[in-house]
Amino acid sequence: MSTEYAKALGVRLRAIRSQQGLSLHGVEQKSQGRWKAVVVGSYERGDRAVTVQRLSELAEFYGVPVHELLPGTGAPSSANHEQGGKLVLDLERLKALPVEQAGPLLRYVGSIQSQRGDWNGRVMTIRGEDLRTLGVIYEMAPQDLVKMLTEWDVLNPAAARPFTDELDGEAGGFVDEDEA
């Protein structure tokens, strides 16, 4: 492995770890010693080569696809996403729901995570246009989707209120052809 590639891989590893709010010692503690802080740190600095097997195991530990750790596949952003104008989904609660219920949303969230390179695993921000798309998937109006996600305890009702108000305002602009 070239030194440049090892360093680029290290940048990816560090970004994923940072997104998950883990220090090097936090990785060691969370893994119960399986991943030593000094070893992970040396991977991140590019000082130590990582085998494909170990990289796969580390990706599994972080809960991300292996390709997200590889350089040249779209850089993960270690910056925090703005909270304004977005809804925050609680991914831990979402993953606890039955797959029959939450499967479509889980697949959609996985797609967004892959596009954004965002693998913090705890929360995900979605936009108004995501609500419209999810409404199509779940065959319901976006307002009803917000209500459902709130009932599932995946979405904070106070944070959803501005979206519900905005969507209610939009609904008033449509005219049913049968009524016209």
N, C-alpha and C. Protein backbone atom coordinates (compact mmCIF):
# COMPACT_ATOMS: atom_id res chain seq x y z
N MET A 1 0.85 -1.17 0.00
CA MET A 1 0.00 0.00 0.00
C MET A 1 0.90 1.23 0.00
N SER A 2 0.61 2.18 -0.92
CA SER A 2 1.42 3.39 -0.98
C SER A 2 1.17 4.26 0.26
N THR A 3 2.16 5.08 0.57
CA THR A 3 2.05 5.96 1.73
C THR A 3 0.89 6.93 1.55
N GLU A 4 0.73 7.47 0.33
CA GLU A 4 -0.38 8.40 0.07
C GLU A 4 -1.72 7.73 0.29
N TYR A 5 -1.87 6.51 -0.21
CA TYR A 5 -3.13 5.79 -0.07
C TYR A 5 -3.40 5.49 1.41
N ALA A 6 -2.37 5.07 2.14
CA ALA A 6 -2.52 4.77 3.56
C ALA A 6 -2.97 6.02 4.33
N LYS A 7 -2.42 7.17 3.97
CA LYS A 7 -2.81 8.42 4.63
C LYS A 7 -4.25 8.79 4.27
N ALA A 8 -4.63 8.62 3.00
CA ALA A 8 -6.00 8.92 2.57
C ALA A 8 -7.00 7.98 3.26
N LEU A 9 -6.62 6.71 3.39
CA LEU A 9 -7.45 5.76 4.11
C LEU A 9 -7.58 6.18 5.57
N GLY A 10 -6.49 6.63 6.15
CA GLY A 10 -6.51 7.10 7.54
C GLY A 10 -7.44 8.28 7.74
N VAL A 11 -7.46 9.19 6.77
CA VAL A 11 -8.36 10.34 6.85
C VAL A 11 -9.81 9.86 6.88
N ARG A 12 -10.12 8.88 6.05
CA ARG A 12 -11.49 8.32 6.01
C ARG A 12 -11.83 7.66 7.34
N LEU A 13 -10.91 6.86 7.86
CA LEU A 13 -11.15 6.19 9.14
C LEU A 13 -11.40 7.20 10.26
N ARG A 14 -10.58 8.24 10.30
CA ARG A 14 -10.72 9.27 11.34
C ARG A 14 -12.06 10.00 11.20
N ALA A 15 -12.47 10.30 9.96
CA ALA A 15 -13.74 11.01 9.73
C ALA A 15 -14.92 10.18 10.22
N ILE A 16 -14.92 8.89 9.92
CA ILE A 16 -16.02 8.02 10.37
C ILE A 16 -16.03 7.94 11.89
N ARG A 17 -14.86 7.76 12.49
CA ARG A 17 -14.79 7.69 13.96
C ARG A 17 -15.29 8.99 14.58
N SER A 18 -14.88 10.12 14.01
CA SER A 18 -15.29 11.42 14.53
C SER A 18 -16.79 11.63 14.40
N GLN A 19 -17.36 11.20 13.27
CA GLN A 19 -18.81 11.32 13.08
C GLN A 19 -19.57 10.58 14.16
N GLN A 20 -18.99 9.50 14.64
CA GLN A 20 -19.66 8.71 15.66
C GLN A 20 -19.37 9.20 17.06
N GLY A 21 -18.62 10.30 17.15
CA GLY A 21 -18.33 10.91 18.44
C GLY A 21 -17.41 10.09 19.32
N LEU A 22 -16.55 9.30 18.69
CA LEU A 22 -15.64 8.43 19.44
C LEU A 22 -14.21 8.97 19.41
N SER A 23 -13.57 8.95 20.56
CA SER A 23 -12.13 9.20 20.62
C SER A 23 -11.45 7.87 20.33
N LEU A 24 -10.13 7.89 20.19
CA LEU A 24 -9.42 6.63 20.01
C LEU A 24 -9.62 5.73 21.23
N HIS A 25 -9.57 6.31 22.42
CA HIS A 25 -9.81 5.51 23.62
C HIS A 25 -11.26 5.05 23.70
N GLY A 26 -12.16 5.86 23.16
CA GLY A 26 -13.57 5.47 23.11
C GLY A 26 -13.77 4.24 22.24
N VAL A 27 -13.02 4.15 21.14
CA VAL A 27 -13.08 2.97 20.28
C VAL A 27 -12.62 1.75 21.06
N GLU A 28 -11.53 1.91 21.79
CA GLU A 28 -11.00 0.78 22.57
C GLU A 28 -12.02 0.34 23.63
N GLN A 29 -12.62 1.29 24.29
CA GLN A 29 -13.61 0.95 25.33
C GLN A 29 -14.85 0.31 24.72
N LYS A 30 -15.39 0.93 23.65
CA LYS A 30 -16.60 0.41 23.02
C LYS A 30 -16.39 -1.00 22.46
N SER A 31 -15.18 -1.26 21.97
CA SER A 31 -14.88 -2.58 21.40
C SER A 31 -14.40 -3.57 22.47
N GLN A 32 -14.40 -3.13 23.71
CA GLN A 32 -13.95 -3.95 24.84
C GLN A 32 -12.52 -4.47 24.61
N GLY A 33 -11.69 -3.58 24.08
CA GLY A 33 -10.28 -3.91 23.90
C GLY A 33 -9.93 -4.59 22.60
N ARG A 34 -10.93 -4.92 21.80
CA ARG A 34 -10.64 -5.59 20.52
C ARG A 34 -9.85 -4.67 19.61
N TRP A 35 -10.20 -3.38 19.61
CA TRP A 35 -9.49 -2.38 18.81
C TRP A 35 -8.70 -1.49 19.75
N LYS A 36 -7.41 -1.66 19.78
CA LYS A 36 -6.53 -0.85 20.63
C LYS A 36 -6.41 0.56 20.07
N ALA A 37 -6.45 1.55 20.95
CA ALA A 37 -6.36 2.94 20.54
C ALA A 37 -5.09 3.20 19.73
N VAL A 38 -4.00 2.65 20.16
CA VAL A 38 -2.72 2.88 19.47
C VAL A 38 -2.73 2.30 18.06
N VAL A 39 -3.39 1.17 17.86
CA VAL A 39 -3.45 0.54 16.54
C VAL A 39 -4.35 1.35 15.61
N VAL A 40 -5.55 1.72 16.10
CA VAL A 40 -6.47 2.51 15.28
C VAL A 40 -5.82 3.85 14.93
N GLY A 41 -5.15 4.45 15.90
CA GLY A 41 -4.44 5.71 15.65
C GLY A 41 -3.38 5.57 14.58
N SER A 42 -2.66 4.46 14.59
CA SER A 42 -1.62 4.26 13.58
C SER A 42 -2.23 4.03 12.20
N TYR A 43 -3.41 3.38 12.14
CA TYR A 43 -4.12 3.24 10.86
C TYR A 43 -4.53 4.63 10.36
N GLU A 44 -5.05 5.45 11.27
CA GLU A 44 -5.53 6.79 10.90
C GLU A 44 -4.40 7.71 10.44
N ARG A 45 -3.22 7.54 11.00
CA ARG A 45 -2.07 8.36 10.58
C ARG A 45 -1.41 7.82 9.32
N GLY A 46 -1.77 6.61 8.93
CA GLY A 46 -1.15 5.97 7.77
C GLY A 46 0.20 5.39 8.09
N ASP A 47 0.50 5.24 9.38
CA ASP A 47 1.79 4.68 9.81
C ASP A 47 1.81 3.16 9.74
N ARG A 48 0.63 2.56 9.71
CA ARG A 48 0.53 1.11 9.76
C ARG A 48 -0.45 0.65 8.68
N ALA A 49 -0.07 -0.35 7.92
CA ALA A 49 -0.93 -0.90 6.88
C ALA A 49 -2.05 -1.72 7.53
N VAL A 50 -3.23 -1.63 6.96
CA VAL A 50 -4.36 -2.39 7.46
C VAL A 50 -4.72 -3.44 6.41
N THR A 51 -4.92 -4.67 6.84
CA THR A 51 -5.30 -5.72 5.90
C THR A 51 -6.76 -5.56 5.51
N VAL A 52 -7.14 -6.19 4.42
CA VAL A 52 -8.52 -6.15 3.97
C VAL A 52 -9.44 -6.74 5.05
N GLN A 53 -9.00 -7.82 5.66
CA GLN A 53 -9.79 -8.46 6.72
C GLN A 53 -10.03 -7.51 7.88
N ARG A 54 -8.96 -6.86 8.34
CA ARG A 54 -9.09 -5.92 9.47
C ARG A 54 -9.93 -4.70 9.08
N LEU A 55 -9.79 -4.23 7.84
CA LEU A 55 -10.59 -3.10 7.38
C LEU A 55 -12.07 -3.48 7.36
N SER A 56 -12.35 -4.68 6.91
CA SER A 56 -13.73 -5.18 6.91
C SER A 56 -14.29 -5.26 8.33
N GLU A 57 -13.49 -5.74 9.25
CA GLU A 57 -13.92 -5.85 10.64
C GLU A 57 -14.13 -4.46 11.26
N LEU A 58 -13.26 -3.52 10.91
CA LEU A 58 -13.40 -2.16 11.42
C LEU A 58 -14.66 -1.50 10.86
N ALA A 59 -14.93 -1.72 9.57
CA ALA A 59 -16.16 -1.19 8.97
C ALA A 59 -17.38 -1.75 9.68
N GLU A 60 -17.35 -3.04 9.99
CA GLU A 60 -18.46 -3.66 10.71
C GLU A 60 -18.60 -3.05 12.10
N PHE A 61 -17.50 -2.83 12.78
CA PHE A 61 -17.52 -2.21 14.10
C PHE A 61 -18.17 -0.82 14.05
N TYR A 62 -17.80 -0.03 13.02
CA TYR A 62 -18.36 1.31 12.86
C TYR A 62 -19.77 1.29 12.29
N GLY A 63 -20.19 0.15 11.75
CA GLY A 63 -21.53 0.04 11.19
C GLY A 63 -21.67 0.73 9.84
N VAL A 64 -20.61 0.68 9.04
CA VAL A 64 -20.64 1.30 7.71
C VAL A 64 -20.19 0.29 6.67
N PRO A 65 -20.62 0.45 5.42
CA PRO A 65 -20.10 -0.43 4.37
C PRO A 65 -18.60 -0.20 4.18
N VAL A 66 -17.88 -1.23 3.83
CA VAL A 66 -16.42 -1.14 3.66
C VAL A 66 -16.06 -0.05 2.65
N HIS A 67 -16.82 0.05 1.57
CA HIS A 67 -16.46 1.03 0.53
C HIS A 67 -16.46 2.46 1.06
N GLU A 68 -17.18 2.73 2.14
CA GLU A 68 -17.18 4.08 2.73
C GLU A 68 -15.84 4.42 3.37
N LEU A 69 -15.04 3.42 3.69
CA LEU A 69 -13.74 3.66 4.30
C LEU A 69 -12.64 3.86 3.25
N LEU A 70 -12.92 3.48 2.02
CA LEU A 70 -11.90 3.52 0.98
C LEU A 70 -11.78 4.91 0.36
N PRO A 71 -10.56 5.38 0.17
CA PRO A 71 -10.37 6.68 -0.49
C PRO A 71 -10.92 6.65 -1.91
N GLY A 72 -11.39 7.81 -2.36
CA GLY A 72 -11.88 7.93 -3.73
C GLY A 72 -13.31 7.52 -3.92
N THR A 73 -14.06 7.28 -2.84
CA THR A 73 -15.46 6.87 -2.98
C THR A 73 -16.40 7.93 -2.43
N GLY A 74 -15.96 9.19 -2.41
CA GLY A 74 -16.81 10.26 -1.87
C GLY A 74 -16.45 10.49 -0.43
N ALA A 75 -15.88 11.62 -0.13
CA ALA A 75 -15.36 11.86 1.22
C ALA A 75 -16.48 12.00 2.23
N PRO A 76 -16.35 11.29 3.37
CA PRO A 76 -17.32 11.50 4.44
C PRO A 76 -17.07 12.86 5.05
N SER A 77 -18.12 13.51 5.43
CA SER A 77 -17.99 14.83 6.03
C SER A 77 -17.94 14.71 7.53
N SER A 78 -16.91 15.27 8.13
CA SER A 78 -16.84 15.24 9.59
C SER A 78 -17.51 16.46 10.19
N ALA A 79 -17.95 17.38 9.32
CA ALA A 79 -18.64 18.56 9.83
C ALA A 79 -20.05 18.20 10.26
N ASN A 80 -20.53 18.86 11.28
CA ASN A 80 -21.90 18.65 11.72
C ASN A 80 -22.84 19.27 10.71
N HIS A 81 -23.96 18.61 10.45
CA HIS A 81 -24.96 19.15 9.56
C HIS A 81 -25.79 20.18 10.32
N GLU A 82 -26.21 21.23 9.60
CA GLU A 82 -27.04 22.24 10.24
C GLU A 82 -28.36 21.63 10.63
N GLN A 83 -28.88 22.04 11.76
CA GLN A 83 -30.15 21.52 12.22
C GLN A 83 -31.32 22.36 11.72
N GLY A 84 -31.08 23.64 11.41
CA GLY A 84 -32.17 24.50 10.99
C GLY A 84 -32.74 24.06 9.66
N GLY A 85 -34.08 24.08 9.53
CA GLY A 85 -34.72 23.73 8.28
C GLY A 85 -34.72 22.24 7.99
N LYS A 86 -34.43 21.44 8.96
CA LYS A 86 -34.38 20.00 8.75
C LYS A 86 -35.04 19.28 9.92
N LEU A 87 -35.44 18.07 9.66
CA LEU A 87 -35.99 17.22 10.71
C LEU A 87 -34.94 16.21 11.12
N VAL A 88 -34.88 15.91 12.39
CA VAL A 88 -33.88 14.98 12.90
C VAL A 88 -34.56 13.68 13.29
N LEU A 89 -34.18 12.60 12.61
CA LEU A 89 -34.70 11.27 12.92
C LEU A 89 -33.79 10.60 13.94
N ASP A 90 -34.36 9.91 14.89
CA ASP A 90 -33.61 9.14 15.87
C ASP A 90 -33.41 7.74 15.28
N LEU A 91 -32.21 7.48 14.76
CA LEU A 91 -31.94 6.22 14.07
C LEU A 91 -31.93 5.02 15.01
N GLU A 92 -31.52 5.24 16.24
CA GLU A 92 -31.50 4.12 17.20
C GLU A 92 -32.92 3.63 17.46
N ARG A 93 -33.86 4.57 17.61
CA ARG A 93 -35.26 4.17 17.81
C ARG A 93 -35.83 3.56 16.54
N LEU A 94 -35.44 4.12 15.39
CA LEU A 94 -35.93 3.60 14.12
C LEU A 94 -35.49 2.14 13.93
N LYS A 95 -34.24 1.85 14.25
CA LYS A 95 -33.72 0.48 14.08
C LYS A 95 -34.39 -0.51 15.03
N ALA A 96 -34.98 0.00 16.12
CA ALA A 96 -35.65 -0.88 17.08
C ALA A 96 -37.06 -1.26 16.64
N LEU A 97 -37.58 -0.59 15.63
CA LEU A 97 -38.93 -0.88 15.14
C LEU A 97 -38.94 -2.14 14.29
N PRO A 98 -40.09 -2.81 14.19
CA PRO A 98 -40.18 -3.99 13.32
C PRO A 98 -39.87 -3.61 11.87
N VAL A 99 -39.16 -4.48 11.16
CA VAL A 99 -38.76 -4.22 9.78
C VAL A 99 -39.98 -4.02 8.88
N GLU A 100 -41.08 -4.75 9.14
CA GLU A 100 -42.27 -4.60 8.31
C GLU A 100 -42.79 -3.17 8.39
N GLN A 101 -42.60 -2.56 9.51
CA GLN A 101 -43.08 -1.20 9.75
C GLN A 101 -42.10 -0.16 9.20
N ALA A 102 -40.85 -0.30 9.54
CA ALA A 102 -39.86 0.73 9.26
C ALA A 102 -38.93 0.42 8.10
N GLY A 103 -39.08 -0.73 7.47
CA GLY A 103 -38.19 -1.15 6.39
C GLY A 103 -37.98 -0.12 5.29
N PRO A 104 -39.07 0.44 4.72
CA PRO A 104 -38.87 1.44 3.65
C PRO A 104 -38.08 2.66 4.13
N LEU A 105 -38.36 3.11 5.34
CA LEU A 105 -37.64 4.27 5.87
C LEU A 105 -36.18 3.92 6.15
N LEU A 106 -35.92 2.73 6.65
CA LEU A 106 -34.55 2.30 6.90
C LEU A 106 -33.74 2.26 5.59
N ARG A 107 -34.36 1.75 4.52
CA ARG A 107 -33.67 1.70 3.22
C ARG A 107 -33.41 3.12 2.70
N TYR A 108 -34.37 4.00 2.87
CA TYR A 108 -34.22 5.39 2.42
C TYR A 108 -33.10 6.07 3.21
N VAL A 109 -33.09 5.88 4.51
CA VAL A 109 -32.05 6.46 5.36
C VAL A 109 -30.68 5.91 4.97
N GLY A 110 -30.60 4.61 4.70
CA GLY A 110 -29.34 4.01 4.27
C GLY A 110 -28.83 4.64 2.99
N SER A 111 -29.74 4.94 2.07
CA SER A 111 -29.36 5.58 0.82
C SER A 111 -28.82 6.99 1.08
N ILE A 112 -29.48 7.73 1.95
CA ILE A 112 -29.02 9.08 2.29
C ILE A 112 -27.65 9.01 2.97
N GLN A 113 -27.48 8.07 3.90
CA GLN A 113 -26.19 7.93 4.58
C GLN A 113 -25.08 7.67 3.58
N SER A 114 -25.35 6.83 2.61
CA SER A 114 -24.33 6.51 1.61
C SER A 114 -24.01 7.73 0.76
N GLN A 115 -25.04 8.47 0.35
CA GLN A 115 -24.81 9.67 -0.47
C GLN A 115 -24.03 10.73 0.30
N ARG A 116 -24.35 10.90 1.57
CA ARG A 116 -23.72 11.94 2.37
C ARG A 116 -22.41 11.49 2.99
N GLY A 117 -22.19 10.18 3.04
CA GLY A 117 -21.03 9.67 3.77
C GLY A 117 -21.17 9.94 5.25
N ASP A 118 -22.40 9.89 5.73
CA ASP A 118 -22.72 10.25 7.12
C ASP A 118 -23.09 8.98 7.88
N TRP A 119 -22.19 8.50 8.70
CA TRP A 119 -22.38 7.23 9.38
C TRP A 119 -22.32 7.37 10.89
N ASN A 120 -22.85 8.48 11.43
CA ASN A 120 -22.77 8.63 12.89
C ASN A 120 -23.65 7.63 13.61
N GLY A 121 -24.67 7.12 12.94
CA GLY A 121 -25.46 6.03 13.48
C GLY A 121 -26.50 6.39 14.51
N ARG A 122 -26.52 7.61 15.01
CA ARG A 122 -27.47 7.97 16.06
C ARG A 122 -28.65 8.79 15.55
N VAL A 123 -28.37 9.76 14.71
CA VAL A 123 -29.43 10.61 14.17
C VAL A 123 -29.17 10.87 12.68
N MET A 124 -30.22 11.31 11.98
CA MET A 124 -30.11 11.67 10.57
C MET A 124 -31.04 12.84 10.33
N THR A 125 -30.54 13.85 9.65
CA THR A 125 -31.40 14.96 9.29
C THR A 125 -32.00 14.70 7.91
N ILE A 126 -33.28 15.05 7.78
CA ILE A 126 -33.94 14.97 6.48
C ILE A 126 -34.59 16.31 6.19
N ARG A 127 -34.83 16.57 4.92
CA ARG A 127 -35.39 17.83 4.48
C ARG A 127 -36.86 17.66 4.10
N GLY A 128 -37.50 18.77 3.83
CA GLY A 128 -38.90 18.74 3.41
C GLY A 128 -39.13 17.88 2.18
N GLU A 129 -38.20 17.97 1.20
CA GLU A 129 -38.37 17.16 -0.01
C GLU A 129 -38.24 15.67 0.30
N ASP A 130 -37.47 15.32 1.33
CA ASP A 130 -37.39 13.92 1.76
C ASP A 130 -38.75 13.45 2.28
N LEU A 131 -39.44 14.35 3.00
CA LEU A 131 -40.78 14.00 3.50
C LEU A 131 -41.74 13.70 2.36
N ARG A 132 -41.64 14.49 1.31
CA ARG A 132 -42.52 14.27 0.16
C ARG A 132 -42.21 12.92 -0.48
N THR A 133 -40.94 12.60 -0.64
CA THR A 133 -40.54 11.32 -1.22
C THR A 133 -41.00 10.17 -0.34
N LEU A 134 -40.77 10.30 0.97
CA LEU A 134 -41.20 9.25 1.89
C LEU A 134 -42.72 9.12 1.91
N GLY A 135 -43.40 10.23 1.74
CA GLY A 135 -44.86 10.19 1.66
C GLY A 135 -45.32 9.33 0.48
N VAL A 136 -44.62 9.44 -0.64
CA VAL A 136 -44.94 8.61 -1.80
C VAL A 136 -44.67 7.15 -1.48
N ILE A 137 -43.54 6.88 -0.86
CA ILE A 137 -43.17 5.51 -0.52
C ILE A 137 -44.20 4.88 0.42
N TYR A 138 -44.62 5.64 1.43
CA TYR A 138 -45.58 5.12 2.41
C TYR A 138 -47.03 5.35 1.99
N GLU A 139 -47.23 5.97 0.82
CA GLU A 139 -48.56 6.25 0.29
C GLU A 139 -49.40 7.05 1.26
N MET A 140 -48.82 8.16 1.73
CA MET A 140 -49.56 9.05 2.63
C MET A 140 -49.06 10.48 2.44
N ALA A 141 -49.88 11.41 2.87
CA ALA A 141 -49.50 12.82 2.80
C ALA A 141 -48.33 13.07 3.74
N PRO A 142 -47.46 14.01 3.39
CA PRO A 142 -46.31 14.31 4.26
C PRO A 142 -46.72 14.64 5.71
N GLN A 143 -47.85 15.36 5.88
CA GLN A 143 -48.31 15.68 7.24
C GLN A 143 -48.61 14.40 8.03
N ASP A 144 -49.23 13.44 7.34
CA ASP A 144 -49.56 12.16 7.99
C ASP A 144 -48.30 11.37 8.30
N LEU A 145 -47.31 11.48 7.41
CA LEU A 145 -46.04 10.81 7.64
C LEU A 145 -45.35 11.38 8.89
N VAL A 146 -45.36 12.71 9.01
CA VAL A 146 -44.77 13.34 10.19
C VAL A 146 -45.47 12.85 11.44
N LYS A 147 -46.81 12.76 11.38
CA LYS A 147 -47.58 12.27 12.53
C LYS A 147 -47.19 10.83 12.87
N MET A 148 -47.05 9.99 11.83
CA MET A 148 -46.68 8.59 12.04
C MET A 148 -45.28 8.49 12.66
N LEU A 149 -44.32 9.25 12.14
CA LEU A 149 -42.96 9.20 12.68
C LEU A 149 -42.92 9.70 14.12
N THR A 150 -43.76 10.66 14.43
CA THR A 150 -43.85 11.17 15.80
C THR A 150 -44.43 10.08 16.71
N GLU A 151 -45.46 9.40 16.24
CA GLU A 151 -46.06 8.30 17.03
C GLU A 151 -45.07 7.17 17.23
N TRP A 152 -44.22 6.91 16.25
CA TRP A 152 -43.19 5.87 16.37
C TRP A 152 -42.08 6.31 17.32
N ASP A 153 -42.10 7.57 17.74
CA ASP A 153 -41.09 8.16 18.62
C ASP A 153 -39.72 8.23 17.93
N VAL A 154 -39.75 8.41 16.61
CA VAL A 154 -38.54 8.53 15.80
C VAL A 154 -38.27 10.00 15.52
N LEU A 155 -39.31 10.82 15.65
CA LEU A 155 -39.24 12.23 15.32
C LEU A 155 -39.81 13.03 16.49
N ASN A 156 -39.09 14.06 16.89
CA ASN A 156 -39.53 14.93 17.98
C ASN A 156 -40.70 15.78 17.49
N PRO A 157 -41.87 15.73 18.16
CA PRO A 157 -43.04 16.48 17.69
C PRO A 157 -42.82 17.99 17.64
N ALA A 158 -42.07 18.54 18.58
CA ALA A 158 -41.82 19.99 18.58
C ALA A 158 -41.00 20.39 17.36
N ALA A 159 -40.03 19.57 16.99
CA ALA A 159 -39.19 19.87 15.83
C ALA A 159 -39.98 19.71 14.54
N ALA A 160 -40.99 18.87 14.54
CA ALA A 160 -41.78 18.62 13.34
C ALA A 160 -42.83 19.69 13.10
N ARG A 161 -43.21 20.44 14.13
CA ARG A 161 -44.31 21.40 14.01
C ARG A 161 -44.13 22.39 12.86
N PRO A 162 -42.96 23.03 12.68
CA PRO A 162 -42.82 23.97 11.56
C PRO A 162 -43.05 23.30 10.20
N PHE A 163 -42.63 22.05 10.06
CA PHE A 163 -42.83 21.34 8.81
C PHE A 163 -44.30 21.03 8.60
N THR A 164 -44.97 20.62 9.65
CA THR A 164 -46.38 20.31 9.55
C THR A 164 -47.16 21.55 9.14
N ASP A 165 -46.84 22.70 9.77
CA ASP A 165 -47.50 23.96 9.43
C ASP A 165 -47.24 24.33 7.98
N GLU A 166 -45.98 24.20 7.54
CA GLU A 166 -45.62 24.54 6.16
C GLU A 166 -46.35 23.63 5.18
N LEU A 167 -46.40 22.34 5.48
CA LEU A 167 -47.06 21.40 4.59
C LEU A 167 -48.57 21.63 4.57
N ASP A 168 -49.15 21.96 5.72
CA ASP A 168 -50.58 22.27 5.77
C ASP A 168 -50.89 23.46 4.88
N GLY A 169 -50.01 24.48 4.90
CA GLY A 169 -50.18 25.66 4.07
C GLY A 169 -50.13 25.32 2.59
N GLU A 170 -49.26 24.41 2.21
CA GLU A 170 -49.15 24.00 0.81
C GLU A 170 -50.39 23.26 0.36
N ALA A 171 -50.96 22.45 1.25
CA ALA A 171 -52.12 21.64 0.87
C ALA A 171 -53.29 22.54 0.48
N GLY A 172 -53.38 23.72 1.07
CA GLY A 172 -54.48 24.62 0.76
C GLY A 172 -54.43 25.13 -0.66
N GLY A 173 -53.30 25.06 -1.33
CA GLY A 173 -53.16 25.58 -2.68
C GLY A 173 -53.63 24.61 -3.76
N PHE A 174 -53.96 23.39 -3.42
CA PHE A 174 -54.37 22.41 -4.40
C PHE A 174 -55.89 22.38 -4.50
N VAL A 175 -56.38 22.20 -5.72
CA VAL A 175 -57.81 22.10 -5.94
C VAL A 175 -58.10 20.73 -6.50
N ASP A 176 -59.03 20.05 -5.88
CA ASP A 176 -59.45 18.74 -6.34
C ASP A 176 -60.27 18.95 -7.62
N GLU A 177 -59.91 18.23 -8.69
CA GLU A 177 -60.58 18.41 -9.99
C GLU A 177 -62.06 18.11 -9.88
N ASP A 178 -62.48 17.19 -9.00
CA ASP A 178 -63.89 16.85 -8.85
C ASP A 178 -64.67 18.02 -8.26
N GLU A 179 -63.98 18.84 -7.45
CA GLU A 179 -64.65 19.96 -6.81
C GLU A 179 -64.67 21.19 -7.71
N ALA A 180 -63.75 21.28 -8.70
CA ALA A 180 -63.64 22.48 -9.53
C ALA A 180 -64.73 22.56 -10.57
